[in-house]
């Protein structure tokens, strides 16, 4: 039986494009991270979206950068991306 990690602060990285060439990946990719109840997505153009997936499973309502936890989740997103070799201009 496969063991599944369950944690409120687990990081799951999502990649829309699975491209090996980093230049192409940086041009085409987007990256999202799940941190606690939040899903944070950063697009190549710098646009970000943050959702509370516990309360908004379908991710219809972007919480925006004025949300109290935005800075923390943004920081965790950047740490996770850096750990996986993804770099975004912020």
PDB file of N, CA and C in Angstrom:
ATOM      1  N   UNK A   1       0.841  -1.178   0.000  1.00  0.00           N
ATOM      2  CA  UNK A   1       0.000   0.000   0.000  1.00  0.00           C
ATOM      3  C   UNK A   1       0.889   1.246   0.000  1.00  0.00           C
ATOM      4  N   UNK A   2       0.587   2.152  -0.862  1.00  0.00           N
ATOM      5  CA  UNK A   2       1.371   3.379  -0.993  1.00  0.00           C
ATOM      6  C   UNK A   2       1.026   4.328   0.150  1.00  0.00           C
ATOM      7  N   UNK A   3       2.067   4.846   0.813  1.00  0.00           N
ATOM      8  CA  UNK A   3       1.876   5.785   1.917  1.00  0.00           C
ATOM      9  C   UNK A   3       1.670   7.185   1.350  1.00  0.00           C
ATOM     10  N   UNK A   4       0.630   7.853   1.770  1.00  0.00           N
ATOM     11  CA  UNK A   4       0.329   9.212   1.322  1.00  0.00           C
ATOM     12  C   UNK A   4       0.593  10.172   2.471  1.00  0.00           C
ATOM     13  N   UNK A   5       1.448  11.169   2.237  1.00  0.00           N
ATOM     14  CA  UNK A   5       1.727  12.173   3.255  1.00  0.00           C
ATOM     15  C   UNK A   5       0.547  13.118   3.386  1.00  0.00           C
ATOM     16  N   UNK A   6       0.122  13.342   4.588  1.00  0.00           N
ATOM     17  CA  UNK A   6      -0.966  14.283   4.843  1.00  0.00           C
ATOM     18  C   UNK A   6      -0.468  15.297   5.861  1.00  0.00           C
ATOM     19  N   UNK A   7      -0.481  16.547   5.482  1.00  0.00           N
ATOM     20  CA  UNK A   7      -0.022  17.602   6.360  1.00  0.00           C
ATOM     21  C   UNK A   7      -0.671  18.911   5.948  1.00  0.00           C
ATOM     22  N   UNK A   8      -1.003  19.728   6.914  1.00  0.00           N
ATOM     23  CA  UNK A   8      -1.592  21.028   6.591  1.00  0.00           C
ATOM     24  C   UNK A   8      -0.589  21.949   5.932  1.00  0.00           C
ATOM     25  N   UNK A   9       0.702  21.637   6.048  1.00  0.00           N
ATOM     26  CA  UNK A   9       1.703  22.516   5.484  1.00  0.00           C
ATOM     27  C   UNK A   9       2.541  21.801   4.440  1.00  0.00           C
ATOM     28  N   UNK A  10       1.967  20.829   3.781  1.00  0.00           N
ATOM     29  CA  UNK A  10       2.707  20.101   2.759  1.00  0.00           C
ATOM     30  C   UNK A  10       2.755  20.949   1.496  1.00  0.00           C
ATOM     31  N   UNK A  11       3.812  20.779   0.756  1.00  0.00           N
ATOM     32  CA  UNK A  11       3.994  21.530  -0.483  1.00  0.00           C
ATOM     33  C   UNK A  11       3.786  20.576  -1.659  1.00  0.00           C
ATOM     34  N   UNK A  12       2.845  20.911  -2.506  1.00  0.00           N
ATOM     35  CA  UNK A  12       2.627  20.158  -3.737  1.00  0.00           C
ATOM     36  C   UNK A  12       2.903  21.092  -4.890  1.00  0.00           C
ATOM     37  N   UNK A  13       3.814  20.709  -5.762  1.00  0.00           N
ATOM     38  CA  UNK A  13       4.122  21.577  -6.887  1.00  0.00           C
ATOM     39  C   UNK A  13       3.313  21.117  -8.095  1.00  0.00           C
ATOM     40  N   UNK A  14       2.753  22.049  -8.774  1.00  0.00           N
ATOM     41  CA  UNK A  14       1.965  21.776  -9.965  1.00  0.00           C
ATOM     42  C   UNK A  14       2.640  22.459 -11.134  1.00  0.00           C
ATOM     43  N   UNK A  15       2.810  21.749 -12.196  1.00  0.00           N
ATOM     44  CA  UNK A  15       3.384  22.337 -13.408  1.00  0.00           C
ATOM     45  C   UNK A  15       2.439  22.055 -14.564  1.00  0.00           C
ATOM     46  N   UNK A  16       2.076  23.089 -15.282  1.00  0.00           N
ATOM     47  CA  UNK A  16       1.207  22.909 -16.436  1.00  0.00           C
ATOM     48  C   UNK A  16       2.001  22.348 -17.607  1.00  0.00           C
ATOM     49  N   UNK A  17       3.234  22.808 -17.752  1.00  0.00           N
ATOM     50  CA  UNK A  17       4.073  22.359 -18.850  1.00  0.00           C
ATOM     51  C   UNK A  17       5.258  21.596 -18.288  1.00  0.00           C
ATOM     52  N   UNK A  18       5.486  20.412 -18.774  1.00  0.00           N
ATOM     53  CA  UNK A  18       6.610  19.606 -18.339  1.00  0.00           C
ATOM     54  C   UNK A  18       7.651  19.642 -19.456  1.00  0.00           C
ATOM     55  N   UNK A  19       8.458  20.677 -19.433  1.00  0.00           N
ATOM     56  CA  UNK A  19       9.447  20.887 -20.485  1.00  0.00           C
ATOM     57  C   UNK A  19      10.821  20.837 -19.844  1.00  0.00           C
ATOM     58  N   UNK A  20      11.741  20.086 -20.433  1.00  0.00           N
ATOM     59  CA  UNK A  20      13.069  19.945 -19.864  1.00  0.00           C
ATOM     60  C   UNK A  20      13.937  21.179 -20.083  1.00  0.00           C
ATOM     61  N   UNK A  21      13.820  21.828 -21.201  1.00  0.00           N
ATOM     62  CA  UNK A  21      14.648  22.986 -21.508  1.00  0.00           C
ATOM     63  C   UNK A  21      14.203  24.165 -20.650  1.00  0.00           C
ATOM     64  N   UNK A  22      15.105  24.665 -19.796  1.00  0.00           N
ATOM     65  CA  UNK A  22      14.713  25.690 -18.832  1.00  0.00           C
ATOM     66  C   UNK A  22      14.295  26.993 -19.492  1.00  0.00           C
ATOM     67  N   UNK A  23      14.886  27.353 -20.628  1.00  0.00           N
ATOM     68  CA  UNK A  23      14.489  28.595 -21.296  1.00  0.00           C
ATOM     69  C   UNK A  23      13.058  28.489 -21.794  1.00  0.00           C
ATOM     70  N   UNK A  24      12.713  27.376 -22.403  1.00  0.00           N
ATOM     71  CA  UNK A  24      11.339  27.178 -22.877  1.00  0.00           C
ATOM     72  C   UNK A  24      10.394  27.103 -21.683  1.00  0.00           C
ATOM     73  N   UNK A  25      10.818  26.398 -20.633  1.00  0.00           N
ATOM     74  CA  UNK A  25       9.977  26.273 -19.440  1.00  0.00           C
ATOM     75  C   UNK A  25       9.693  27.648 -18.854  1.00  0.00           C
ATOM     76  N   UNK A  26      10.722  28.512 -18.790  1.00  0.00           N
ATOM     77  CA  UNK A  26      10.522  29.846 -18.238  1.00  0.00           C
ATOM     78  C   UNK A  26       9.588  30.684 -19.102  1.00  0.00           C
ATOM     79  N   UNK A  27       9.575  30.442 -20.401  1.00  0.00           N
ATOM     80  CA  UNK A  27       8.685  31.180 -21.285  1.00  0.00           C
ATOM     81  C   UNK A  27       7.252  30.668 -21.224  1.00  0.00           C
ATOM     82  N   UNK A  28       7.086  29.365 -21.065  1.00  0.00           N
ATOM     83  CA  UNK A  28       5.760  28.764 -21.149  1.00  0.00           C
ATOM     84  C   UNK A  28       5.139  28.412 -19.799  1.00  0.00           C
ATOM     85  N   UNK A  29       5.964  28.181 -18.801  1.00  0.00           N
ATOM     86  CA  UNK A  29       5.469  27.575 -17.572  1.00  0.00           C
ATOM     87  C   UNK A  29       4.729  28.492 -16.640  1.00  0.00           C
ATOM     88  N   UNK A  30       4.035  27.862 -15.753  1.00  0.00           N
ATOM     89  CA  UNK A  30       3.417  28.513 -14.617  1.00  0.00           C
ATOM     90  C   UNK A  30       3.641  27.566 -13.472  1.00  0.00           C
ATOM     91  N   UNK A  31       3.624  28.066 -12.281  1.00  0.00           N
ATOM     92  CA  UNK A  31       3.909  27.195 -11.145  1.00  0.00           C
ATOM     93  C   UNK A  31       2.963  27.531 -10.009  1.00  0.00           C
ATOM     94  N   UNK A  32       2.441  26.493  -9.388  1.00  0.00           N
ATOM     95  CA  UNK A  32       1.569  26.674  -8.243  1.00  0.00           C
ATOM     96  C   UNK A  32       2.047  25.821  -7.093  1.00  0.00           C
ATOM     97  N   UNK A  33       1.752  26.255  -5.895  1.00  0.00           N
ATOM     98  CA  UNK A  33       2.118  25.492  -4.711  1.00  0.00           C
ATOM     99  C   UNK A  33       0.923  25.470  -3.765  1.00  0.00           C
ATOM    100  N   UNK A  34       0.773  24.359  -3.099  1.00  0.00           N
ATOM    101  CA  UNK A  34      -0.253  24.260  -2.066  1.00  0.00           C
ATOM    102  C   UNK A  34       0.442  24.380  -0.722  1.00  0.00           C
ATOM    103  N   UNK A  35      -0.049  25.283   0.095  1.00  0.00           N
ATOM    104  CA  UNK A  35       0.516  25.487   1.422  1.00  0.00           C
ATOM    105  C   UNK A  35      -0.650  25.613   2.394  1.00  0.00           C
ATOM    106  N   UNK A  36      -0.797  24.623   3.245  1.00  0.00           N
ATOM    107  CA  UNK A  36      -1.935  24.613   4.168  1.00  0.00           C
ATOM    108  C   UNK A  36      -3.236  24.545   3.391  1.00  0.00           C
ATOM    109  N   UNK A  37      -4.120  25.487   3.630  1.00  0.00           N
ATOM    110  CA  UNK A  37      -5.414  25.527   2.941  1.00  0.00           C
ATOM    111  C   UNK A  37      -5.366  26.330   1.647  1.00  0.00           C
ATOM    112  N   UNK A  38      -4.186  26.831   1.300  1.00  0.00           N
ATOM    113  CA  UNK A  38      -4.073  27.731   0.161  1.00  0.00           C
ATOM    114  C   UNK A  38      -3.415  27.089  -1.050  1.00  0.00           C
ATOM    115  N   UNK A  39      -3.832  27.540  -2.205  1.00  0.00           N
ATOM    116  CA  UNK A  39      -3.144  27.230  -3.456  1.00  0.00           C
ATOM    117  C   UNK A  39      -2.733  28.565  -4.056  1.00  0.00           C
ATOM    118  N   UNK A  40      -1.446  28.676  -4.368  1.00  0.00           N
ATOM    119  CA  UNK A  40      -0.860  29.908  -4.870  1.00  0.00           C
ATOM    120  C   UNK A  40      -0.282  29.616  -6.242  1.00  0.00           C
ATOM    121  N   UNK A  41      -0.611  30.427  -7.225  1.00  0.00           N
ATOM    122  CA  UNK A  41      -0.147  30.229  -8.599  1.00  0.00           C
ATOM    123  C   UNK A  41       0.551  31.502  -9.063  1.00  0.00           C
ATOM    124  N   UNK A  42       1.708  31.338  -9.684  1.00  0.00           N
ATOM    125  CA  UNK A  42       2.407  32.469 -10.300  1.00  0.00           C
ATOM    126  C   UNK A  42       2.580  32.149 -11.779  1.00  0.00           C
ATOM    127  N   UNK A  43       2.183  33.094 -12.618  1.00  0.00           N
ATOM    128  CA  UNK A  43       2.319  32.954 -14.060  1.00  0.00           C
ATOM    129  C   UNK A  43       3.603  33.645 -14.517  1.00  0.00           C
ATOM    130  N   UNK A  44       4.063  33.301 -15.684  1.00  0.00           N
ATOM    131  CA  UNK A  44       5.303  33.853 -16.207  1.00  0.00           C
ATOM    132  C   UNK A  44       5.252  35.376 -16.299  1.00  0.00           C
ATOM    133  N   UNK A  45       4.087  35.930 -16.579  1.00  0.00           N
ATOM    134  CA  UNK A  45       3.968  37.389 -16.697  1.00  0.00           C
ATOM    135  C   UNK A  45       3.965  38.095 -15.335  1.00  0.00           C
ATOM    136  N   UNK A  46       4.097  37.315 -14.243  1.00  0.00           N
ATOM    137  CA  UNK A  46       4.160  37.890 -12.901  1.00  0.00           C
ATOM    138  C   UNK A  46       2.831  37.918 -12.170  1.00  0.00           C
ATOM    139  N   UNK A  47       1.742  37.663 -12.874  1.00  0.00           N
ATOM    140  CA  UNK A  47       0.418  37.642 -12.247  1.00  0.00           C
ATOM    141  C   UNK A  47       0.352  36.486 -11.246  1.00  0.00           C
ATOM    142  N   UNK A  48      -0.297  36.732 -10.120  1.00  0.00           N
ATOM    143  CA  UNK A  48      -0.464  35.686  -9.110  1.00  0.00           C
ATOM    144  C   UNK A  48      -1.941  35.520  -8.775  1.00  0.00           C
ATOM    145  N   UNK A  49      -2.259  34.331  -8.307  1.00  0.00           N
ATOM    146  CA  UNK A  49      -3.600  34.028  -7.809  1.00  0.00           C
ATOM    147  C   UNK A  49      -3.438  33.204  -6.540  1.00  0.00           C
ATOM    148  N   UNK A  50      -4.306  33.443  -5.578  1.00  0.00           N
ATOM    149  CA  UNK A  50      -4.276  32.673  -4.331  1.00  0.00           C
ATOM    150  C   UNK A  50      -5.703  32.304  -3.963  1.00  0.00           C
ATOM    151  N   UNK A  51      -5.892  31.027  -3.675  1.00  0.00           N
ATOM    152  CA  UNK A  51      -7.219  30.500  -3.352  1.00  0.00           C
ATOM    153  C   UNK A  51      -7.182  29.752  -2.028  1.00  0.00           C
ATOM    154  N   UNK A  52      -8.268  29.805  -1.288  1.00  0.00           N
ATOM    155  CA  UNK A  52      -8.445  28.961  -0.118  1.00  0.00           C
ATOM    156  C   UNK A  52      -9.193  27.732  -0.599  1.00  0.00           C
ATOM    157  N   UNK A  53      -8.457  26.640  -0.826  1.00  0.00           N
ATOM    158  CA  UNK A  53      -9.082  25.466  -1.435  1.00  0.00           C
ATOM    159  C   UNK A  53      -9.956  24.683  -0.459  1.00  0.00           C
ATOM    160  N   UNK A  54      -9.850  24.993   0.826  1.00  0.00           N
ATOM    161  CA  UNK A  54     -10.746  24.355   1.794  1.00  0.00           C
ATOM    162  C   UNK A  54     -12.145  24.962   1.684  1.00  0.00           C
ATOM    163  N   UNK A  55     -12.201  26.279   1.516  1.00  0.00           N
ATOM    164  CA  UNK A  55     -13.490  26.965   1.427  1.00  0.00           C
ATOM    165  C   UNK A  55     -13.955  27.190  -0.008  1.00  0.00           C
ATOM    166  N   UNK A  56     -13.024  27.152  -0.957  1.00  0.00           N
ATOM    167  CA  UNK A  56     -13.324  27.433  -2.361  1.00  0.00           C
ATOM    168  C   UNK A  56     -12.657  26.375  -3.235  1.00  0.00           C
ATOM    169  N   UNK A  57     -13.171  25.147  -3.133  1.00  0.00           N
ATOM    170  CA  UNK A  57     -12.567  24.004  -3.824  1.00  0.00           C
ATOM    171  C   UNK A  57     -12.404  24.240  -5.321  1.00  0.00           C
ATOM    172  N   UNK A  58     -13.338  24.894  -5.948  1.00  0.00           N
ATOM    173  CA  UNK A  58     -13.311  25.096  -7.401  1.00  0.00           C
ATOM    174  C   UNK A  58     -12.449  26.288  -7.816  1.00  0.00           C
ATOM    175  N   UNK A  59     -11.868  26.956  -6.855  1.00  0.00           N
ATOM    176  CA  UNK A  59     -10.948  28.068  -7.105  1.00  0.00           C
ATOM    177  C   UNK A  59     -11.584  29.146  -7.992  1.00  0.00           C
ATOM    178  N   UNK A  60     -12.724  29.621  -7.548  1.00  0.00           N
ATOM    179  CA  UNK A  60     -13.446  30.664  -8.269  1.00  0.00           C
ATOM    180  C   UNK A  60     -13.107  32.059  -7.765  1.00  0.00           C
ATOM    181  N   UNK A  61     -12.656  32.171  -6.510  1.00  0.00           N
ATOM    182  CA  UNK A  61     -12.482  33.477  -5.886  1.00  0.00           C
ATOM    183  C   UNK A  61     -11.032  33.707  -5.483  1.00  0.00           C
ATOM    184  N   UNK A  62     -10.327  34.485  -6.285  1.00  0.00           N
ATOM    185  CA  UNK A  62      -8.945  34.847  -6.006  1.00  0.00           C
ATOM    186  C   UNK A  62      -8.919  35.738  -4.761  1.00  0.00           C
ATOM    187  N   UNK A  63      -8.135  35.355  -3.760  1.00  0.00           N
ATOM    188  CA  UNK A  63      -8.068  36.122  -2.515  1.00  0.00           C
ATOM    189  C   UNK A  63      -7.266  37.412  -2.670  1.00  0.00           C
ATOM    190  N   UNK A  64      -6.399  37.461  -3.674  1.00  0.00           N
ATOM    191  CA  UNK A  64      -5.648  38.687  -3.948  1.00  0.00           C
ATOM    192  C   UNK A  64      -4.480  38.918  -3.005  1.00  0.00           C
ATOM    193  N   UNK A  65      -3.671  39.901  -3.362  1.00  0.00           N
ATOM    194  CA  UNK A  65      -2.460  40.160  -2.585  1.00  0.00           C
ATOM    195  C   UNK A  65      -2.708  40.972  -1.316  1.00  0.00           C
ATOM    196  N   UNK A  66      -3.931  41.356  -1.056  1.00  0.00           N
ATOM    197  CA  UNK A  66      -4.237  42.066   0.184  1.00  0.00           C
ATOM    198  C   UNK A  66      -4.628  41.102   1.313  1.00  0.00           C
ATOM    199  N   UNK A  67      -4.706  39.818   1.008  1.00  0.00           N
ATOM    200  CA  UNK A  67      -5.051  38.819   2.017  1.00  0.00           C
ATOM    201  C   UNK A  67      -3.937  38.754   3.071  1.00  0.00           C
ATOM    202  N   UNK A  68      -4.281  38.605   4.362  1.00  0.00           N
ATOM    203  CA  UNK A  68      -3.268  38.586   5.425  1.00  0.00           C
ATOM    204  C   UNK A  68      -2.185  37.508   5.263  1.00  0.00           C
ATOM    205  N   UNK A  69      -2.507  36.370   4.664  1.00  0.00           N
ATOM    206  CA  UNK A  69      -1.528  35.291   4.507  1.00  0.00           C
ATOM    207  C   UNK A  69      -0.797  35.316   3.166  1.00  0.00           C
ATOM    208  N   UNK A  70      -1.076  36.311   2.344  1.00  0.00           N
ATOM    209  CA  UNK A  70      -0.471  36.376   1.007  1.00  0.00           C
ATOM    210  C   UNK A  70       1.057  36.368   1.060  1.00  0.00           C
ATOM    211  N   UNK A  71       1.650  37.200   1.897  1.00  0.00           N
ATOM    212  CA  UNK A  71       3.118  37.292   1.960  1.00  0.00           C
ATOM    213  C   UNK A  71       3.750  35.963   2.356  1.00  0.00           C
ATOM    214  N   UNK A  72       3.179  35.299   3.351  1.00  0.00           N
ATOM    215  CA  UNK A  72       3.713  34.015   3.797  1.00  0.00           C
ATOM    216  C   UNK A  72       3.619  32.972   2.699  1.00  0.00           C
ATOM    217  N   UNK A  73       2.466  32.864   2.067  1.00  0.00           N
ATOM    218  CA  UNK A  73       2.270  31.851   1.027  1.00  0.00           C
ATOM    219  C   UNK A  73       3.131  32.170  -0.197  1.00  0.00           C
ATOM    220  N   UNK A  74       3.271  33.443  -0.532  1.00  0.00           N
ATOM    221  CA  UNK A  74       4.143  33.854  -1.631  1.00  0.00           C
ATOM    222  C   UNK A  74       5.588  33.441  -1.341  1.00  0.00           C
ATOM    223  N   UNK A  75       6.042  33.667  -0.119  1.00  0.00           N
ATOM    224  CA  UNK A  75       7.404  33.280   0.282  1.00  0.00           C
ATOM    225  C   UNK A  75       7.596  31.768   0.160  1.00  0.00           C
ATOM    226  N   UNK A  76       6.631  30.996   0.636  1.00  0.00           N
ATOM    227  CA  UNK A  76       6.719  29.528   0.551  1.00  0.00           C
ATOM    228  C   UNK A  76       6.716  29.076  -0.907  1.00  0.00           C
ATOM    229  N   UNK A  77       5.942  29.751  -1.738  1.00  0.00           N
ATOM    230  CA  UNK A  77       5.910  29.442  -3.170  1.00  0.00           C
ATOM    231  C   UNK A  77       7.290  29.641  -3.783  1.00  0.00           C
ATOM    232  N   UNK A  78       7.914  30.777  -3.507  1.00  0.00           N
ATOM    233  CA  UNK A  78       9.232  31.059  -4.065  1.00  0.00           C
ATOM    234  C   UNK A  78      10.281  30.064  -3.571  1.00  0.00           C
ATOM    235  N   UNK A  79      10.213  29.686  -2.295  1.00  0.00           N
ATOM    236  CA  UNK A  79      11.137  28.683  -1.747  1.00  0.00           C
ATOM    237  C   UNK A  79      10.982  27.344  -2.467  1.00  0.00           C
ATOM    238  N   UNK A  80       9.745  26.930  -2.663  1.00  0.00           N
ATOM    239  CA  UNK A  80       9.472  25.654  -3.323  1.00  0.00           C
ATOM    240  C   UNK A  80       9.943  25.682  -4.773  1.00  0.00           C
ATOM    241  N   UNK A  81       9.655  26.767  -5.465  1.00  0.00           N
ATOM    242  CA  UNK A  81      10.089  26.887  -6.860  1.00  0.00           C
ATOM    243  C   UNK A  81      11.602  26.845  -6.966  1.00  0.00           C
ATOM    244  N   UNK A  82      12.280  27.584  -6.103  1.00  0.00           N
ATOM    245  CA  UNK A  82      13.743  27.608  -6.114  1.00  0.00           C
ATOM    246  C   UNK A  82      14.309  26.216  -5.860  1.00  0.00           C
ATOM    247  N   UNK A  83      13.718  25.484  -4.927  1.00  0.00           N
ATOM    248  CA  UNK A  83      14.169  24.127  -4.612  1.00  0.00           C
ATOM    249  C   UNK A  83      14.031  23.181  -5.804  1.00  0.00           C
ATOM    250  N   UNK A  84      13.102  23.490  -6.709  1.00  0.00           N
ATOM    251  CA  UNK A  84      12.874  22.662  -7.887  1.00  0.00           C
ATOM    252  C   UNK A  84      13.481  23.254  -9.149  1.00  0.00           C
ATOM    253  N   UNK A  85      14.305  24.287  -9.002  1.00  0.00           N
ATOM    254  CA  UNK A  85      15.005  24.869 -10.126  1.00  0.00           C
ATOM    255  C   UNK A  85      14.175  25.800 -10.986  1.00  0.00           C
ATOM    256  N   UNK A  86      13.070  26.289 -10.439  1.00  0.00           N
ATOM    257  CA  UNK A  86      12.212  27.225 -11.178  1.00  0.00           C
ATOM    258  C   UNK A  86      12.464  28.624 -10.646  1.00  0.00           C
ATOM    259  N   UNK A  87      12.693  29.562 -11.541  1.00  0.00           N
ATOM    260  CA  UNK A  87      13.020  30.922 -11.118  1.00  0.00           C
ATOM    261  C   UNK A  87      12.063  31.894 -11.784  1.00  0.00           C
ATOM    262  N   UNK A  88      11.499  32.761 -10.982  1.00  0.00           N
ATOM    263  CA  UNK A  88      10.567  33.773 -11.469  1.00  0.00           C
ATOM    264  C   UNK A  88      11.101  35.136 -11.083  1.00  0.00           C
ATOM    265  N   UNK A  89      10.966  36.094 -11.971  1.00  0.00           N
ATOM    266  CA  UNK A  89      11.294  37.489 -11.643  1.00  0.00           C
ATOM    267  C   UNK A  89      10.135  38.029 -10.831  1.00  0.00           C
ATOM    268  N   UNK A  90      10.416  38.548  -9.673  1.00  0.00           N
ATOM    269  CA  UNK A  90       9.349  39.038  -8.799  1.00  0.00           C
ATOM    270  C   UNK A  90       9.378  40.541  -8.750  1.00  0.00           C
TER     271      UNK A  90
END
